[in-house]
Amino acid sequence: MDKPELDQLQQRLNLFEALADNATAVIAAKDLDGRYLYVNQEYSRLFHQEKHSFCGKTDHEIFPEDIATAFRQADLQVIEKQEVITVEEKAPVDGQIRDYLSIKFPITDSEGNIFATGLVATDITERKAAEQEVLRLSRVDHLTQVANRSLLEQRLGEAIEKAKAHNQLIGVAIVDLDEFKPVNDTYGHHVGDSVLKLMAERLMHSCRSSDTVARLGGDEFVVVLEDLETMQDAISSLHRSVETLHDTYHIESQTIKLSASAGLAFYPHHGTEIFTLLKAADEALYKAKNQGRNQVQVA
């Protein structure tokens, strides 16, 4: 190779390195045995090592075993299929596990034979966190932060499928405050909202971690009780919940005395479908209201 050709090759190498080192993405190349041939400046910066220190090492010499194994499996997929793949990967950066969207691709010689794998990866940690938060907000009641109707239907549906498979009992309760409307009419909706937040908190604290508390709307809440040994377990739990709601609420210098009623239905005794169970629980709640309020009635 004469000098002009060498100069032209060197220019191309300098151009590549300048582009790669000024990129905000992680860029790297490894040989077929998984040993690093090249990393860019961003790779070096993230893992606090000089670029040259990566060369010749494998991921197993740099990263924890589980992460290194995942990296290698993705590289082997590129080698086997000889095509570009896109995967989400995790990497430890400054003591935290970050999420990366990685594009991995084969690098071939002039005859088309693969001799290395390439990587271009971008940090998507914040994007994934934002997506998870949007998903969470779409499934919780914005006022009380308990499950909304959409999440309730999903969890109750899953509970029914589990109960069918394992011949289990489920309790589905509808709980609401007695005479809540006068609170809004007398003190205003902002006070009523504060009452509902307290109601949600007390329901959550009185239930087990395996139970689901959801708000249907207004002061109407649903409690799904799973993994029950007997019906009495659910009835006793619901009585405790109703007792925690029968109290004096002190809100914005206002003193408001309230009580609650609940209607309880059981899978499979009162229905095997979501809406059948909710309807049965609602009918039991109506019975509790008609029989004096501040009590639990079973369908």
Protein backbone atom coordinates (compact mmCIF):
# COMPACT_ATOMS: atom_id res chain seq x y z
CA MET A 1 0.00 0.00 0.00
CA ASP A 2 1.59 3.28 -1.11
CA LYS A 3 1.70 6.49 0.95
CA PRO A 4 -1.37 8.20 -0.60
CA GLU A 5 -3.44 5.11 0.14
CA LEU A 6 -2.09 4.97 3.70
CA ASP A 7 -2.87 8.66 4.17
CA GLN A 8 -6.38 8.14 2.86
CA LEU A 9 -6.89 5.16 5.21
CA GLN A 10 -5.61 7.18 8.14
CA GLN A 11 -8.00 10.00 7.31
CA ARG A 12 -10.88 7.58 7.28
CA LEU A 13 -9.82 6.14 10.62
CA ASN A 14 -9.51 9.64 12.09
CA LEU A 15 -12.94 10.55 10.72
CA PHE A 16 -14.52 7.46 12.25
CA GLU A 17 -12.87 8.03 15.62
CA ALA A 18 -13.87 11.70 15.68
CA LEU A 19 -17.49 10.83 14.93
CA ALA A 20 -17.58 7.97 17.43
CA ASP A 21 -15.87 9.85 20.24
CA ASN A 22 -18.20 12.82 19.95
CA ALA A 23 -21.33 10.69 19.91
CA THR A 24 -23.50 10.57 23.03
CA ALA A 25 -24.27 6.89 22.34
CA VAL A 26 -22.13 4.01 23.53
CA ILE A 27 -20.20 2.51 20.60
CA ALA A 28 -18.07 -0.63 20.72
CA ALA A 29 -16.81 -3.57 18.68
CA LYS A 30 -15.79 -7.09 19.78
CA ASP A 31 -14.20 -10.02 18.02
CA LEU A 32 -16.01 -13.33 17.64
CA ASP A 33 -14.70 -14.51 21.01
CA GLY A 34 -16.25 -11.49 22.70
CA ARG A 35 -13.00 -9.57 23.24
CA TYR A 36 -13.17 -5.83 22.83
CA LEU A 37 -11.55 -4.37 19.73
CA TYR A 38 -12.77 -0.81 20.22
CA VAL A 39 -14.81 1.40 22.53
CA ASN A 40 -15.61 5.08 22.07
CA GLN A 41 -15.09 7.93 24.52
CA GLU A 42 -18.64 7.62 25.94
CA TYR A 43 -17.98 3.97 26.84
CA SER A 44 -14.76 5.02 28.52
CA ARG A 45 -16.45 7.86 30.41
CA LEU A 46 -19.33 5.75 31.71
CA PHE A 47 -17.16 3.01 33.13
CA HIS A 48 -14.25 5.20 34.23
CA GLN A 49 -11.57 3.35 32.29
CA GLU A 50 -9.21 4.44 29.55
CA LYS A 51 -10.32 3.35 26.10
CA HIS A 52 -7.28 1.17 25.52
CA SER A 53 -7.85 -0.69 28.81
CA PHE A 54 -10.94 -2.40 27.34
CA CYS A 55 -9.10 -3.89 24.39
CA GLY A 56 -8.60 -7.64 24.64
CA LYS A 57 -10.96 -8.01 27.58
CA THR A 58 -14.33 -9.77 27.59
CA ASP A 59 -17.52 -8.57 29.28
CA HIS A 60 -16.98 -11.22 31.98
CA GLU A 61 -13.77 -9.42 32.99
CA ILE A 62 -15.57 -6.07 33.29
CA PHE A 63 -19.19 -6.58 34.36
CA PRO A 64 -21.12 -8.71 36.88
CA GLU A 65 -21.76 -12.29 35.76
CA ASP A 66 -25.46 -11.93 34.93
CA ILE A 67 -24.98 -8.77 32.89
CA ALA A 68 -21.91 -10.11 31.08
CA THR A 69 -23.79 -13.31 30.20
CA ALA A 70 -26.70 -11.33 28.77
CA PHE A 71 -24.29 -9.24 26.65
CA ARG A 72 -22.60 -12.37 25.33
CA GLN A 73 -25.87 -14.10 24.48
CA ALA A 74 -26.95 -11.12 22.39
CA ASP A 75 -23.57 -11.06 20.61
CA LEU A 76 -23.83 -14.78 19.84
CA GLN A 77 -27.28 -14.18 18.37
CA VAL A 78 -25.76 -11.63 15.98
CA ILE A 79 -22.97 -14.05 15.04
CA GLU A 80 -25.36 -16.95 14.50
CA LYS A 81 -27.99 -15.06 12.52
CA GLN A 82 -25.57 -12.58 10.93
CA GLU A 83 -28.14 -9.84 11.13
CA VAL A 84 -28.88 -6.67 13.08
CA ILE A 85 -30.78 -7.09 16.34
CA THR A 86 -32.23 -4.56 18.77
CA VAL A 87 -32.36 -5.48 22.45
CA GLU A 88 -32.91 -3.78 25.78
CA GLU A 89 -29.96 -4.34 28.09
CA LYS A 90 -28.91 -3.28 31.56
CA ALA A 91 -25.53 -2.01 32.69
CA PRO A 92 -24.13 -0.81 36.04
CA VAL A 93 -23.18 2.87 35.88
CA ASP A 94 -21.92 4.66 38.99
CA GLY A 95 -23.57 2.18 41.31
CA GLN A 96 -26.92 2.22 39.53
CA ILE A 97 -28.39 -0.17 36.98
CA ARG A 98 -29.23 1.78 33.83
CA ASP A 99 -31.40 0.66 30.89
CA TYR A 100 -30.01 0.77 27.37
CA LEU A 101 -31.51 0.25 23.93
CA SER A 102 -28.77 -1.60 22.07
CA ILE A 103 -28.40 -2.06 18.33
CA LYS A 104 -26.02 -4.95 17.67
CA PHE A 105 -24.81 -5.82 14.19
CA PRO A 106 -22.31 -8.01 12.31
CA ILE A 107 -19.09 -6.48 10.95
CA THR A 108 -17.77 -8.24 7.84
CA ASP A 109 -14.55 -8.23 5.79
CA SER A 110 -14.27 -7.51 2.09
CA GLU A 111 -15.43 -11.04 1.29
CA GLY A 112 -18.52 -10.79 3.46
CA ASN A 113 -17.24 -12.95 6.31
CA ILE A 114 -18.17 -11.80 9.79
CA PHE A 115 -15.14 -11.08 11.99
CA ALA A 116 -16.64 -8.85 14.69
CA THR A 117 -19.84 -7.54 16.25
CA GLY A 118 -20.69 -3.89 16.65
CA LEU A 119 -22.73 -2.07 19.26
CA VAL A 120 -24.51 1.29 19.38
CA ALA A 121 -26.44 1.78 22.61
CA THR A 122 -28.42 4.70 24.04
CA ASP A 123 -29.53 5.24 27.64
CA ILE A 124 -33.32 4.90 27.94
CA THR A 125 -33.56 4.81 31.74
CA GLU A 126 -35.48 8.09 32.09
CA ARG A 127 -37.73 7.28 29.15
CA LYS A 128 -38.66 3.90 30.64
CA ALA A 129 -39.31 5.48 34.03
CA ALA A 130 -41.56 8.08 32.39
CA GLU A 131 -43.44 5.37 30.49
CA GLN A 132 -43.95 3.40 33.70
CA GLU A 133 -45.25 6.50 35.47
CA VAL A 134 -47.71 7.22 32.64
CA LEU A 135 -48.89 3.60 32.84
CA ARG A 136 -49.25 3.84 36.61
CA LEU A 137 -51.22 7.08 36.41
CA SER A 138 -53.54 5.56 33.82
CA ARG A 139 -54.42 2.78 36.27
CA VAL A 140 -54.87 4.61 39.56
CA ASP A 141 -57.54 6.97 40.77
CA HIS A 142 -56.04 10.46 40.54
CA LEU A 143 -57.60 11.65 43.82
CA THR A 144 -57.04 8.73 46.19
CA GLN A 145 -54.17 6.91 44.44
CA VAL A 146 -55.84 3.51 44.79
CA ALA A 147 -56.65 1.35 41.76
CA ASN A 148 -59.17 2.72 39.28
CA ARG A 149 -61.90 0.74 37.50
CA SER A 150 -59.55 -0.40 34.73
CA LEU A 151 -56.98 -1.85 37.12
CA LEU A 152 -59.74 -3.29 39.31
CA GLU A 153 -61.18 -5.23 36.38
CA GLN A 154 -57.74 -6.54 35.47
CA ARG A 155 -56.89 -7.67 39.01
CA LEU A 156 -60.32 -9.15 39.66
CA GLY A 157 -60.15 -10.98 36.36
CA GLU A 158 -56.73 -12.39 37.29
CA ALA A 159 -58.04 -13.35 40.73
CA ILE A 160 -60.96 -15.24 39.17
CA GLU A 161 -58.66 -17.15 36.82
CA LYS A 162 -56.40 -18.07 39.74
CA ALA A 163 -59.38 -19.10 41.86
CA LYS A 164 -60.72 -21.29 39.05
CA ALA A 165 -57.37 -23.04 38.69
CA HIS A 166 -56.88 -23.66 42.42
CA ASN A 167 -60.50 -23.97 43.59
CA GLN A 168 -60.18 -20.89 45.80
CA LEU A 169 -62.60 -18.43 47.35
CA ILE A 170 -62.70 -14.69 46.56
CA GLY A 171 -64.55 -11.95 48.38
CA VAL A 172 -65.71 -8.88 46.45
CA ALA A 173 -66.99 -5.99 48.57
CA ILE A 174 -68.42 -2.59 47.72
CA VAL A 175 -67.96 -0.04 50.49
CA ASP A 176 -69.31 3.49 50.67
CA LEU A 177 -69.87 6.16 53.30
CA ASP A 178 -73.27 6.69 54.82
CA GLU A 179 -74.74 10.11 53.98
CA PHE A 180 -71.69 11.36 52.10
CA LYS A 181 -73.62 13.71 49.80
CA PRO A 182 -74.44 16.20 52.61
CA VAL A 183 -70.70 16.55 53.26
CA ASN A 184 -70.16 17.96 49.78
CA ASP A 185 -73.30 20.06 49.98
CA THR A 186 -72.49 21.51 53.40
CA TYR A 187 -68.69 21.87 53.42
CA GLY A 188 -67.78 21.91 49.73
CA HIS A 189 -66.14 19.43 47.38
CA HIS A 190 -62.62 20.20 48.60
CA VAL A 191 -63.58 18.91 52.06
CA GLY A 192 -65.37 15.96 50.49
CA ASP A 193 -62.21 15.14 48.53
CA SER A 194 -60.18 15.17 51.75
CA VAL A 195 -62.67 12.76 53.31
CA LEU A 196 -62.31 10.42 50.32
CA LYS A 197 -58.51 10.47 50.60
CA LEU A 198 -58.75 9.53 54.27
CA MET A 199 -61.28 6.84 53.44
CA ALA A 200 -58.91 5.32 50.88
CA GLU A 201 -56.00 5.42 53.33
CA ARG A 202 -58.01 3.69 56.06
CA LEU A 203 -59.24 1.01 53.69
CA MET A 204 -55.69 0.35 52.52
CA HIS A 205 -54.38 0.11 56.09
CA SER A 206 -57.18 -2.21 57.17
CA CYS A 207 -56.66 -4.62 54.27
CA ARG A 208 -53.94 -7.19 53.63
CA SER A 209 -51.20 -6.50 51.09
CA SER A 210 -52.70 -9.22 48.88
CA ASP A 211 -56.07 -7.43 48.72
CA THR A 212 -57.00 -4.85 46.09
CA VAL A 213 -58.64 -1.55 47.00
CA ALA A 214 -60.16 0.40 44.11
CA ARG A 215 -62.37 3.43 43.69
CA LEU A 216 -65.34 3.17 41.35
CA GLY A 217 -66.37 6.80 41.70
CA GLY A 218 -67.74 9.19 44.30
CA ASP A 219 -67.43 7.53 47.71
CA GLU A 220 -67.87 4.01 46.28
CA PHE A 221 -64.88 1.72 46.76
CA VAL A 222 -64.32 -1.95 45.97
CA VAL A 223 -62.23 -4.37 48.00
CA VAL A 224 -61.14 -7.68 46.45
CA LEU A 225 -60.10 -10.25 49.06
CA GLU A 226 -58.10 -13.20 47.75
CA ASP A 227 -56.63 -16.38 49.27
CA LEU A 228 -59.47 -16.83 51.75
CA GLU A 229 -59.79 -19.92 53.89
CA THR A 230 -63.44 -19.28 54.75
CA MET A 231 -66.17 -16.74 54.07
CA GLN A 232 -65.90 -15.64 57.69
CA ASP A 233 -62.33 -14.45 57.05
CA ALA A 234 -63.65 -11.94 54.51
CA ILE A 235 -66.60 -10.92 56.67
CA SER A 236 -64.33 -10.28 59.67
CA SER A 237 -61.87 -8.31 57.54
CA LEU A 238 -64.65 -6.19 56.11
CA HIS A 239 -66.11 -5.49 59.56
CA ARG A 240 -62.70 -4.17 60.61
CA SER A 241 -62.61 -1.92 57.55
CA VAL A 242 -66.09 -0.55 58.24
CA GLU A 243 -65.13 0.09 61.86
CA THR A 244 -62.10 2.15 60.82
CA LEU A 245 -64.37 4.32 58.67
CA HIS A 246 -66.91 4.87 61.47
CA ASP A 247 -65.20 7.85 63.01
CA THR A 248 -65.02 11.60 63.42
CA TYR A 249 -63.07 13.27 60.63
CA HIS A 250 -61.29 16.55 61.45
CA ILE A 251 -60.73 18.45 58.23
CA GLU A 252 -59.98 22.16 57.86
CA SER A 253 -61.42 23.00 61.30
CA GLN A 254 -64.54 21.00 60.42
CA THR A 255 -65.65 18.06 62.57
CA ILE A 256 -67.55 15.49 60.53
CA LYS A 257 -68.89 12.22 61.95
CA LEU A 258 -69.31 9.48 59.39
CA SER A 259 -69.97 5.79 59.10
CA ALA A 260 -69.80 3.30 56.25
CA SER A 261 -71.69 0.31 54.90
CA ALA A 262 -70.50 -2.62 52.83
CA GLY A 263 -71.97 -5.32 50.66
CA LEU A 264 -70.04 -8.54 50.14
CA ALA A 265 -70.28 -11.22 47.46
CA PHE A 266 -68.25 -14.39 47.02
CA TYR A 267 -66.78 -16.22 44.06
CA PRO A 268 -68.03 -18.74 43.06
CA HIS A 269 -71.17 -18.69 45.26
CA HIS A 270 -72.65 -15.44 43.96
CA GLY A 271 -71.12 -15.38 40.50
CA THR A 272 -68.14 -16.37 38.39
CA GLU A 273 -67.80 -13.23 36.27
CA ILE A 274 -66.54 -9.74 37.17
CA PHE A 275 -69.78 -7.85 36.62
CA THR A 276 -71.94 -10.55 38.19
CA LEU A 277 -69.89 -10.36 41.39
CA LEU A 278 -69.94 -6.56 41.44
CA LYS A 279 -73.71 -6.56 40.92
CA ALA A 280 -74.21 -9.03 43.77
CA ALA A 281 -72.00 -6.94 46.06
CA ASP A 282 -73.92 -3.80 45.11
CA GLU A 283 -77.21 -5.49 45.94
CA ALA A 284 -75.80 -6.53 49.32
CA LEU A 285 -74.70 -2.91 49.92
CA TYR A 286 -78.25 -1.73 49.16
CA LYS A 287 -79.50 -4.22 51.75
CA ALA A 288 -77.02 -2.87 54.33
CA LYS A 289 -78.25 0.68 53.71
CA ASN A 290 -81.89 -0.36 54.07
CA GLN A 291 -81.23 -2.18 57.33
CA GLY A 292 -79.80 0.79 59.17
CA ARG A 293 -76.36 1.49 57.66
CA ASN A 294 -72.96 1.14 59.38
CA GLN A 295 -72.89 -2.60 58.78
CA VAL A 296 -71.81 -5.41 56.45
CA GLN A 297 -74.29 -7.53 54.51
CA VAL A 298 -73.56 -10.61 52.41
CA ALA A 299 -75.33 -11.20 49.10
